[in-house]
Amino acid sequence: MITVKETLKTEYEVNERTVALIAIEEEGKIRTRVMEVEDSFIVDLPPTKVIDNSCKYFGSNLSGRISGTKAITNYTHKSPIVISGMLKLYYFPTMSPSRLECSWISHSFVRDFAPGQTDPRKTRVQFVNKLSEELPVSPGVFSNQLERTAQFRLMYEKRFTSTVRHSFVSEPSPSVPIR
């Protein structure tokens, strides 16, 4: 249920303050509870749609970001993504993004995690802003997603700091005369 503090928004782009996009069910539909560093509110879209719209805002889409992750890492399922490399916005899904109840977590804001307090098959995530959230994902899956995102982030950022650059422009062959 929407509280007075949590107003319903119709759109949202992920930014440097976005901690997590949590899937919630309200009034028979899946919405997103946006957790920011110092705020929380509801968006009238599922989390994966918010992620896709955010990718579009930064010049791609979710499908393109997933394809990019696969090209770099070979991850084929529940791929972490970079929404904006310049802003270091790395997110990972808690389950298959094709499921409406999939939540998305910012890699930068996870401080710690543990089995859920009432259900050890769930994961209690503590964020750097001292807020916590219990997610319907096992601690093992959450740990794997966190590690895969860290690995992807390292591989992605290394491409921008490497002194060796890959060139896609071919040099003319010495046997072909240049006119």
Protein backbone atom coordinates (compact mmCIF):
# COMPACT_ATOMS: atom_id res chain seq x y z
CA MET A 1 0.00 0.00 0.00
CA ILE A 2 1.30 3.47 -0.86
CA THR A 3 2.00 5.59 2.21
CA VAL A 4 1.80 9.37 2.38
CA LYS A 5 5.60 9.58 2.22
CA GLU A 6 5.80 7.20 -0.75
CA THR A 7 4.10 9.02 -3.60
CA LEU A 8 3.36 7.18 -6.84
CA LYS A 9 5.51 8.26 -9.79
CA THR A 10 4.97 7.25 -13.40
CA GLU A 11 8.61 7.32 -14.54
CA TYR A 12 12.12 7.23 -13.13
CA GLU A 13 15.70 7.02 -14.36
CA VAL A 14 18.36 5.28 -12.30
CA ASN A 15 21.03 7.70 -11.06
CA GLU A 16 24.01 7.93 -8.71
CA ARG A 17 21.71 7.89 -5.63
CA THR A 18 19.72 4.77 -6.63
CA VAL A 19 20.36 1.95 -4.15
CA ALA A 20 17.84 -0.65 -5.37
CA LEU A 21 14.67 -1.18 -7.38
CA ILE A 22 12.49 -3.55 -5.37
CA ALA A 23 9.53 -5.38 -6.91
CA ILE A 24 6.38 -5.02 -4.84
CA GLU A 25 2.83 -6.11 -5.48
CA GLU A 26 0.18 -3.45 -5.00
CA GLU A 27 -3.40 -3.37 -6.17
CA GLY A 28 -2.84 -6.55 -8.20
CA LYS A 29 0.15 -5.29 -10.18
CA ILE A 30 3.91 -5.23 -9.85
CA ARG A 31 5.39 -1.83 -9.09
CA THR A 32 8.84 -0.63 -8.09
CA ARG A 33 9.84 0.65 -4.70
CA VAL A 34 12.81 2.84 -5.50
CA MET A 35 15.33 2.99 -2.67
CA GLU A 36 17.61 5.99 -2.92
CA VAL A 37 20.33 6.99 -0.48
CA GLU A 38 17.98 9.35 1.39
CA ASP A 39 14.55 8.71 -0.12
CA SER A 40 12.07 6.00 -1.06
CA PHE A 41 9.06 6.11 -3.36
CA ILE A 42 6.92 3.98 -5.66
CA VAL A 43 7.06 3.94 -9.45
CA ASP A 44 4.07 2.54 -11.33
CA LEU A 45 6.23 0.19 -13.43
CA PRO A 46 7.95 -3.15 -12.77
CA PRO A 47 11.67 -2.83 -11.88
CA THR A 48 12.89 -4.34 -15.17
CA LYS A 49 10.91 -1.73 -17.10
CA VAL A 50 12.54 1.02 -14.99
CA ILE A 51 15.94 -0.54 -15.81
CA ASP A 52 15.12 -0.71 -19.54
CA ASN A 53 13.95 2.92 -19.56
CA SER A 54 17.11 3.95 -17.70
CA CYS A 55 19.28 2.14 -20.26
CA LYS A 56 17.39 3.99 -23.01
CA TYR A 57 17.98 7.30 -21.24
CA PHE A 58 21.72 6.58 -21.44
CA GLY A 59 21.56 5.54 -25.11
CA SER A 60 20.92 1.79 -25.17
CA ASN A 61 18.29 -0.63 -23.88
CA LEU A 62 18.29 -3.58 -21.51
CA SER A 63 18.66 -6.10 -24.32
CA GLY A 64 21.71 -4.25 -25.64
CA ARG A 65 23.26 -4.02 -22.18
CA ILE A 66 22.72 -7.76 -21.63
CA SER A 67 24.30 -8.50 -25.04
CA GLY A 68 27.25 -6.29 -24.10
CA THR A 69 27.73 -8.13 -20.81
CA LYS A 70 27.61 -11.47 -22.62
CA ALA A 71 30.24 -10.30 -25.14
CA ILE A 72 32.58 -9.32 -22.30
CA THR A 73 31.92 -12.12 -19.79
CA ASN A 74 30.04 -14.93 -21.53
CA TYR A 75 27.33 -14.72 -18.83
CA THR A 76 24.06 -15.89 -20.34
CA HIS A 77 21.59 -15.85 -17.44
CA LYS A 78 20.72 -13.15 -14.89
CA SER A 79 23.44 -10.95 -16.35
CA PRO A 80 24.65 -7.91 -14.46
CA ILE A 81 24.61 -4.74 -16.55
CA VAL A 82 26.18 -1.32 -16.71
CA ILE A 83 23.53 1.35 -17.23
CA SER A 84 26.12 4.12 -17.50
CA GLY A 85 29.84 3.41 -17.47
CA MET A 86 30.64 7.09 -16.97
CA LEU A 87 28.50 7.22 -13.82
CA LYS A 88 29.53 3.68 -12.74
CA LEU A 89 25.94 2.48 -12.54
CA TYR A 90 26.24 -1.33 -12.28
CA TYR A 91 23.14 -3.35 -11.43
CA PHE A 92 22.29 -7.01 -11.07
CA PRO A 93 18.93 -8.80 -11.12
CA THR A 94 17.79 -10.97 -8.23
CA MET A 95 16.19 -13.44 -10.65
CA SER A 96 15.49 -13.69 -14.36
CA PRO A 97 14.63 -10.21 -15.68
CA SER A 98 11.80 -11.81 -17.66
CA ARG A 99 9.94 -12.28 -14.35
CA LEU A 100 7.91 -9.25 -13.24
CA GLU A 101 8.94 -9.77 -9.61
CA CYS A 102 12.66 -9.37 -10.45
CA SER A 103 14.35 -6.69 -8.34
CA TRP A 104 17.57 -4.89 -9.33
CA ILE A 105 20.37 -4.04 -6.91
CA SER A 106 23.11 -1.44 -7.29
CA HIS A 107 26.48 -3.13 -6.89
CA SER A 108 27.96 0.05 -5.38
CA PHE A 109 25.56 0.20 -2.44
CA VAL A 110 25.69 -3.38 -1.07
CA ARG A 111 27.47 -3.43 2.27
CA ASP A 112 26.74 -6.95 3.49
CA PHE A 113 24.19 -9.76 3.27
CA ALA A 114 23.04 -12.75 5.32
CA PRO A 115 20.29 -15.36 5.33
CA GLY A 116 16.84 -13.91 6.01
CA GLN A 117 15.76 -13.54 9.62
CA THR A 118 12.50 -15.46 9.25
CA ASP A 119 13.38 -17.57 6.19
CA PRO A 120 16.96 -18.72 5.56
CA ARG A 121 16.07 -19.23 1.87
CA LYS A 122 15.77 -15.44 1.58
CA THR A 123 18.56 -12.88 1.79
CA ARG A 124 18.74 -9.89 4.11
CA VAL A 125 20.81 -7.22 2.32
CA GLN A 126 22.36 -4.36 4.23
CA PHE A 127 23.14 -1.29 2.15
CA VAL A 128 25.82 1.32 2.81
CA ASN A 129 23.16 3.85 3.88
CA LYS A 130 22.31 1.47 6.78
CA LEU A 131 18.94 0.46 5.30
CA SER A 132 18.27 -3.22 4.76
CA GLU A 133 15.88 -5.26 2.68
CA GLU A 134 14.89 -8.93 2.73
CA LEU A 135 14.78 -10.32 -0.81
CA PRO A 136 13.19 -13.55 -2.07
CA VAL A 137 16.50 -14.97 -3.30
CA SER A 138 18.82 -17.42 -1.59
CA PRO A 139 22.07 -16.13 -0.06
CA GLY A 140 24.02 -18.38 -2.45
CA VAL A 141 22.36 -16.90 -5.53
CA PHE A 142 22.77 -13.38 -4.15
CA SER A 143 26.46 -13.99 -3.44
CA ASN A 144 26.96 -15.33 -6.96
CA GLN A 145 25.23 -12.28 -8.49
CA LEU A 146 27.35 -9.93 -6.38
CA GLU A 147 30.57 -11.70 -7.43
CA ARG A 148 29.61 -11.83 -11.11
CA THR A 149 28.86 -8.10 -11.05
CA ALA A 150 32.24 -7.37 -9.46
CA GLN A 151 33.97 -9.50 -12.12
CA PHE A 152 32.03 -7.82 -14.94
CA ARG A 153 32.78 -4.39 -13.51
CA LEU A 154 36.49 -5.18 -13.38
CA MET A 155 36.54 -6.51 -16.94
CA TYR A 156 34.48 -3.59 -18.27
CA GLU A 157 36.52 -0.87 -16.57
CA LYS A 158 39.81 -2.50 -17.56
CA ARG A 159 38.88 -1.84 -21.19
CA PHE A 160 39.10 1.88 -20.50
CA THR A 161 42.39 1.80 -18.60
CA SER A 162 44.35 -0.68 -20.69
CA THR A 163 47.37 0.68 -22.55
CA VAL A 164 46.72 -1.89 -25.27
CA ARG A 165 43.87 -0.79 -27.50
CA HIS A 166 42.08 -3.05 -29.94
CA SER A 167 41.84 -1.53 -33.38
CA PHE A 168 39.09 -2.42 -35.79
CA VAL A 169 40.58 -0.42 -38.65
CA SER A 170 42.74 -2.65 -40.78
CA GLU A 171 46.05 -1.50 -42.18
CA PRO A 172 46.52 -1.97 -45.92
CA SER A 173 48.35 -5.14 -46.78
CA PRO A 174 51.98 -4.51 -47.94
CA SER A 175 51.24 -6.48 -51.12
CA VAL A 176 48.37 -4.18 -52.12
CA PRO A 177 49.56 -1.00 -53.84
CA ILE A 178 48.14 2.21 -52.37
CA ARG A 179 46.87 4.68 -54.97
